[in-house]
Amino acid sequence: MRKKTTTPPRSAYQRGIDLLARREYSQRELRQRLAARGHDSAEAEAALDALSAQNYQSDARYAEMLARGRAAQGYGPRRIRMELAAQGIARQRAQAAMDSLDQDWAQSASDLLRRRYGASLHTPDGRARAAQFLLRRGFDAATVRSATRTELDEAAAGDD
């Protein structure tokens, strides 16, 4: 008969390392994960401080990673900023991440419309659907107007 060996419980620091080995986490997200695993807040805060001091966890790095990923998925700046705020990223850090993107938002919106809507942009109903889509994706109204007009103008020029 085998005896069961019990492993000692993992510390908050070790759990943080395990989580960060898989992907980046914001401090808020990591704090929530540690609390869900039963670590008290003092132990979790000490672990977060140590992880940040050793540069294993960085909100700046997380913000840049999230912003790059969402921009590549076709999301606009308003949506990305909102998601960064929801993850507990400070406004200045979020702005720095957005500035590091070097993204042409108008071009991104136009490319997204071409891929998603194509010929249906020739109708007013199609343009309205496309505009709502871009607004939900987090593009501002001026960019949406510009993108839908640009696509309409290009379609009209192609008909000539």
C-alpha atoms as a PDB file:
ATOM      1  CA  MET A   1       0.000   0.000   0.000  1.00  0.00           C
ATOM      2  CA  ARG A   2       1.331   3.384  -1.015  1.00  0.00           C
ATOM      3  CA  LYS A   3       1.345   6.311   1.289  1.00  0.00           C
ATOM      4  CA  LYS A   4       0.049   9.518  -0.133  1.00  0.00           C
ATOM      5  CA  THR A   5       2.626  12.226  -0.123  1.00  0.00           C
ATOM      6  CA  THR A   6       1.302  15.688   0.268  1.00  0.00           C
ATOM      7  CA  THR A   7       3.082  18.515  -1.403  1.00  0.00           C
ATOM      8  CA  PRO A   8       3.415  21.691   0.562  1.00  0.00           C
ATOM      9  CA  PRO A   9       1.092  24.464  -0.571  1.00  0.00           C
ATOM     10  CA  ARG A  10       2.571  26.801  -3.140  1.00  0.00           C
ATOM     11  CA  SER A  11       3.397  30.300  -2.047  1.00  0.00           C
ATOM     12  CA  ALA A  12       1.753  33.294  -3.681  1.00  0.00           C
ATOM     13  CA  TYR A  13       5.119  34.185  -5.213  1.00  0.00           C
ATOM     14  CA  GLN A  14       5.494  30.728  -6.784  1.00  0.00           C
ATOM     15  CA  ARG A  15       1.921  30.770  -8.079  1.00  0.00           C
ATOM     16  CA  GLY A  16       2.612  34.193  -9.588  1.00  0.00           C
ATOM     17  CA  ILE A  17       5.712  32.829 -11.329  1.00  0.00           C
ATOM     18  CA  ASP A  18       3.699  29.871 -12.621  1.00  0.00           C
ATOM     19  CA  LEU A  19       1.007  32.160 -14.029  1.00  0.00           C
ATOM     20  CA  LEU A  20       3.486  34.596 -15.583  1.00  0.00           C
ATOM     21  CA  ALA A  21       5.342  31.724 -17.243  1.00  0.00           C
ATOM     22  CA  ARG A  22       2.302  31.219 -19.478  1.00  0.00           C
ATOM     23  CA  ARG A  23       1.468  34.822 -20.392  1.00  0.00           C
ATOM     24  CA  GLU A  24       1.614  38.436 -19.197  1.00  0.00           C
ATOM     25  CA  TYR A  25      -0.826  39.583 -16.509  1.00  0.00           C
ATOM     26  CA  SER A  26      -1.642  43.011 -15.157  1.00  0.00           C
ATOM     27  CA  GLN A  27      -1.110  43.496 -11.438  1.00  0.00           C
ATOM     28  CA  ARG A  28      -4.867  43.670 -10.895  1.00  0.00           C
ATOM     29  CA  GLU A  29      -5.462  40.452 -12.785  1.00  0.00           C
ATOM     30  CA  LEU A  30      -2.653  38.645 -10.965  1.00  0.00           C
ATOM     31  CA  ARG A  31      -3.948  39.892  -7.606  1.00  0.00           C
ATOM     32  CA  GLN A  32      -7.395  38.496  -8.421  1.00  0.00           C
ATOM     33  CA  ARG A  33      -5.969  35.142  -9.472  1.00  0.00           C
ATOM     34  CA  LEU A  34      -3.936  34.837  -6.289  1.00  0.00           C
ATOM     35  CA  ALA A  35      -6.954  35.739  -4.153  1.00  0.00           C
ATOM     36  CA  ALA A  36      -9.029  33.113  -5.969  1.00  0.00           C
ATOM     37  CA  ARG A  37      -6.375  30.534  -5.059  1.00  0.00           C
ATOM     38  CA  GLY A  38      -6.802  31.369  -1.379  1.00  0.00           C
ATOM     39  CA  HIS A  39      -3.781  33.574  -0.724  1.00  0.00           C
ATOM     40  CA  ASP A  40      -4.399  36.352   1.774  1.00  0.00           C
ATOM     41  CA  SER A  41      -3.995  39.924   0.590  1.00  0.00           C
ATOM     42  CA  ALA A  42      -0.781  40.609   2.548  1.00  0.00           C
ATOM     43  CA  GLU A  43       0.975  37.576   1.057  1.00  0.00           C
ATOM     44  CA  ALA A  44      -0.340  38.402  -2.429  1.00  0.00           C
ATOM     45  CA  GLU A  45       0.834  42.032  -2.187  1.00  0.00           C
ATOM     46  CA  ALA A  46       4.296  40.938  -1.024  1.00  0.00           C
ATOM     47  CA  ALA A  47       4.486  38.499  -3.932  1.00  0.00           C
ATOM     48  CA  LEU A  48       3.342  41.166  -6.417  1.00  0.00           C
ATOM     49  CA  ASP A  49       5.945  43.604  -5.090  1.00  0.00           C
ATOM     50  CA  ALA A  50       8.677  40.981  -5.473  1.00  0.00           C
ATOM     51  CA  LEU A  51       7.532  39.994  -8.972  1.00  0.00           C
ATOM     52  CA  SER A  52       7.475  43.640 -10.058  1.00  0.00           C
ATOM     53  CA  ALA A  53      10.866  44.386  -8.480  1.00  0.00           C
ATOM     54  CA  GLN A  54      12.396  41.466 -10.393  1.00  0.00           C
ATOM     55  CA  ASN A  55      10.646  42.625 -13.590  1.00  0.00           C
ATOM     56  CA  TYR A  56       8.738  39.363 -13.937  1.00  0.00           C
ATOM     57  CA  GLN A  57       5.514  41.354 -13.874  1.00  0.00           C
ATOM     58  CA  SER A  58       5.229  44.720 -15.567  1.00  0.00           C
ATOM     59  CA  ASP A  59       2.048  46.679 -16.179  1.00  0.00           C
ATOM     60  CA  ALA A  60       3.850  48.653 -18.898  1.00  0.00           C
ATOM     61  CA  ARG A  61       4.831  45.490 -20.757  1.00  0.00           C
ATOM     62  CA  TYR A  62       1.333  44.062 -20.296  1.00  0.00           C
ATOM     63  CA  ALA A  63      -0.268  47.271 -21.622  1.00  0.00           C
ATOM     64  CA  GLU A  64       1.932  47.289 -24.727  1.00  0.00           C
ATOM     65  CA  MET A  65       1.234  43.604 -25.384  1.00  0.00           C
ATOM     66  CA  LEU A  66      -2.519  44.060 -25.007  1.00  0.00           C
ATOM     67  CA  ALA A  67      -2.599  47.209 -27.156  1.00  0.00           C
ATOM     68  CA  ARG A  68      -0.559  45.586 -29.961  1.00  0.00           C
ATOM     69  CA  GLY A  69      -2.702  42.465 -29.914  1.00  0.00           C
ATOM     70  CA  ARG A  70      -6.021  44.294 -29.973  1.00  0.00           C
ATOM     71  CA  ALA A  71      -4.883  46.678 -32.726  1.00  0.00           C
ATOM     72  CA  ALA A  72      -3.827  43.671 -34.807  1.00  0.00           C
ATOM     73  CA  GLN A  73      -7.288  42.157 -34.262  1.00  0.00           C
ATOM     74  CA  GLY A  74      -8.909  45.284 -35.734  1.00  0.00           C
ATOM     75  CA  TYR A  75      -9.983  47.109 -32.582  1.00  0.00           C
ATOM     76  CA  GLY A  76      -9.935  50.889 -32.388  1.00  0.00           C
ATOM     77  CA  PRO A  77      -8.208  53.146 -29.878  1.00  0.00           C
ATOM     78  CA  ARG A  78     -11.285  53.820 -27.725  1.00  0.00           C
ATOM     79  CA  ARG A  79     -11.930  50.115 -27.210  1.00  0.00           C
ATOM     80  CA  ILE A  80      -8.271  49.396 -26.440  1.00  0.00           C
ATOM     81  CA  ARG A  81      -8.088  52.216 -23.881  1.00  0.00           C
ATOM     82  CA  MET A  82     -11.283  50.956 -22.250  1.00  0.00           C
ATOM     83  CA  GLU A  83      -9.884  47.435 -21.971  1.00  0.00           C
ATOM     84  CA  LEU A  84      -6.620  48.724 -20.517  1.00  0.00           C
ATOM     85  CA  ALA A  85      -8.564  50.689 -17.895  1.00  0.00           C
ATOM     86  CA  ALA A  86     -10.630  47.596 -17.069  1.00  0.00           C
ATOM     87  CA  GLN A  87      -7.389  45.717 -16.424  1.00  0.00           C
ATOM     88  CA  GLY A  88      -6.250  48.356 -13.940  1.00  0.00           C
ATOM     89  CA  ILE A  89      -3.676  50.053 -16.149  1.00  0.00           C
ATOM     90  CA  ALA A  90      -3.056  53.684 -15.182  1.00  0.00           C
ATOM     91  CA  ARG A  91      -4.110  56.305 -17.721  1.00  0.00           C
ATOM     92  CA  GLN A  92      -0.535  57.530 -18.342  1.00  0.00           C
ATOM     93  CA  ARG A  93       0.728  53.983 -18.857  1.00  0.00           C
ATOM     94  CA  ALA A  94      -2.175  53.226 -21.212  1.00  0.00           C
ATOM     95  CA  GLN A  95      -1.417  56.378 -23.207  1.00  0.00           C
ATOM     96  CA  ALA A  96       2.253  55.378 -23.454  1.00  0.00           C
ATOM     97  CA  ALA A  97       1.205  51.962 -24.772  1.00  0.00           C
ATOM     98  CA  MET A  98      -1.105  53.578 -27.331  1.00  0.00           C
ATOM     99  CA  ASP A  99       1.637  55.988 -28.421  1.00  0.00           C
ATOM    100  CA  SER A 100       4.039  53.077 -28.947  1.00  0.00           C
ATOM    101  CA  LEU A 101       1.674  51.498 -31.493  1.00  0.00           C
ATOM    102  CA  ASP A 102       2.454  53.872 -34.380  1.00  0.00           C
ATOM    103  CA  GLN A 103      -0.910  52.916 -35.866  1.00  0.00           C
ATOM    104  CA  ASP A 104      -2.787  54.636 -38.692  1.00  0.00           C
ATOM    105  CA  TRP A 105      -6.314  54.239 -37.307  1.00  0.00           C
ATOM    106  CA  ALA A 106      -8.042  55.578 -40.443  1.00  0.00           C
ATOM    107  CA  GLN A 107      -6.199  53.047 -42.602  1.00  0.00           C
ATOM    108  CA  SER A 108      -7.005  50.255 -40.147  1.00  0.00           C
ATOM    109  CA  ALA A 109     -10.707  51.152 -40.247  1.00  0.00           C
ATOM    110  CA  SER A 110     -10.737  51.256 -44.063  1.00  0.00           C
ATOM    111  CA  ASP A 111      -8.940  47.918 -44.343  1.00  0.00           C
ATOM    112  CA  LEU A 112     -11.351  46.366 -41.869  1.00  0.00           C
ATOM    113  CA  LEU A 113     -14.345  47.629 -43.859  1.00  0.00           C
ATOM    114  CA  ARG A 114     -12.936  46.333 -47.137  1.00  0.00           C
ATOM    115  CA  ARG A 115     -12.354  42.870 -45.677  1.00  0.00           C
ATOM    116  CA  ARG A 116     -15.637  42.640 -43.818  1.00  0.00           C
ATOM    117  CA  TYR A 117     -18.156  44.450 -46.030  1.00  0.00           C
ATOM    118  CA  GLY A 118     -16.705  44.734 -49.526  1.00  0.00           C
ATOM    119  CA  ALA A 119     -19.404  45.542 -52.097  1.00  0.00           C
ATOM    120  CA  SER A 120     -22.192  46.042 -49.540  1.00  0.00           C
ATOM    121  CA  LEU A 121     -20.735  49.488 -48.803  1.00  0.00           C
ATOM    122  CA  HIS A 122     -22.388  50.779 -51.978  1.00  0.00           C
ATOM    123  CA  THR A 123     -25.791  50.933 -50.283  1.00  0.00           C
ATOM    124  CA  PRO A 124     -26.841  53.339 -47.524  1.00  0.00           C
ATOM    125  CA  ASP A 125     -27.945  50.390 -45.399  1.00  0.00           C
ATOM    126  CA  GLY A 126     -24.556  48.712 -45.859  1.00  0.00           C
ATOM    127  CA  ARG A 127     -22.710  51.909 -44.914  1.00  0.00           C
ATOM    128  CA  ALA A 128     -24.870  52.275 -41.790  1.00  0.00           C
ATOM    129  CA  ARG A 129     -24.086  48.685 -40.743  1.00  0.00           C
ATOM    130  CA  ALA A 130     -20.394  49.251 -41.409  1.00  0.00           C
ATOM    131  CA  ALA A 131     -20.401  52.479 -39.398  1.00  0.00           C
ATOM    132  CA  GLN A 132     -22.066  50.768 -36.427  1.00  0.00           C
ATOM    133  CA  PHE A 133     -19.544  47.948 -36.667  1.00  0.00           C
ATOM    134  CA  LEU A 134     -16.603  50.372 -36.518  1.00  0.00           C
ATOM    135  CA  LEU A 135     -18.142  52.271 -33.611  1.00  0.00           C
ATOM    136  CA  ARG A 136     -18.553  49.015 -31.661  1.00  0.00           C
ATOM    137  CA  ARG A 137     -14.946  48.162 -32.463  1.00  0.00           C
ATOM    138  CA  GLY A 138     -13.829  51.369 -30.753  1.00  0.00           C
ATOM    139  CA  PHE A 139     -13.141  53.792 -33.590  1.00  0.00           C
ATOM    140  CA  ASP A 140     -14.168  57.421 -33.088  1.00  0.00           C
ATOM    141  CA  ALA A 141     -16.926  59.028 -35.144  1.00  0.00           C
ATOM    142  CA  ALA A 142     -14.568  61.087 -37.323  1.00  0.00           C
ATOM    143  CA  THR A 143     -12.596  57.999 -38.311  1.00  0.00           C
ATOM    144  CA  VAL A 144     -15.817  56.096 -39.034  1.00  0.00           C
ATOM    145  CA  ARG A 145     -17.136  58.905 -41.262  1.00  0.00           C
ATOM    146  CA  SER A 146     -13.845  59.123 -43.075  1.00  0.00           C
ATOM    147  CA  ALA A 147     -13.593  55.365 -43.611  1.00  0.00           C
ATOM    148  CA  THR A 148     -17.140  54.927 -44.884  1.00  0.00           C
ATOM    149  CA  ARG A 149     -16.834  57.937 -47.210  1.00  0.00           C
ATOM    150  CA  THR A 150     -13.449  56.794 -48.491  1.00  0.00           C
ATOM    151  CA  GLU A 151     -14.833  53.369 -49.313  1.00  0.00           C
ATOM    152  CA  LEU A 152     -17.862  54.953 -51.028  1.00  0.00           C
ATOM    153  CA  ASP A 153     -15.649  57.343 -53.035  1.00  0.00           C
ATOM    154  CA  GLU A 154     -13.349  54.506 -54.110  1.00  0.00           C
ATOM    155  CA  ALA A 155     -16.336  52.417 -55.181  1.00  0.00           C
ATOM    156  CA  ALA A 156     -17.743  55.332 -57.211  1.00  0.00           C
ATOM    157  CA  ALA A 157     -14.375  55.947 -58.843  1.00  0.00           C
ATOM    158  CA  GLY A 158     -14.160  52.261 -59.789  1.00  0.00           C
ATOM    159  CA  ASP A 159     -17.541  52.447 -61.537  1.00  0.00           C
ATOM    160  CA  ASP A 160     -16.332  55.136 -63.948  1.00  0.00           C
END
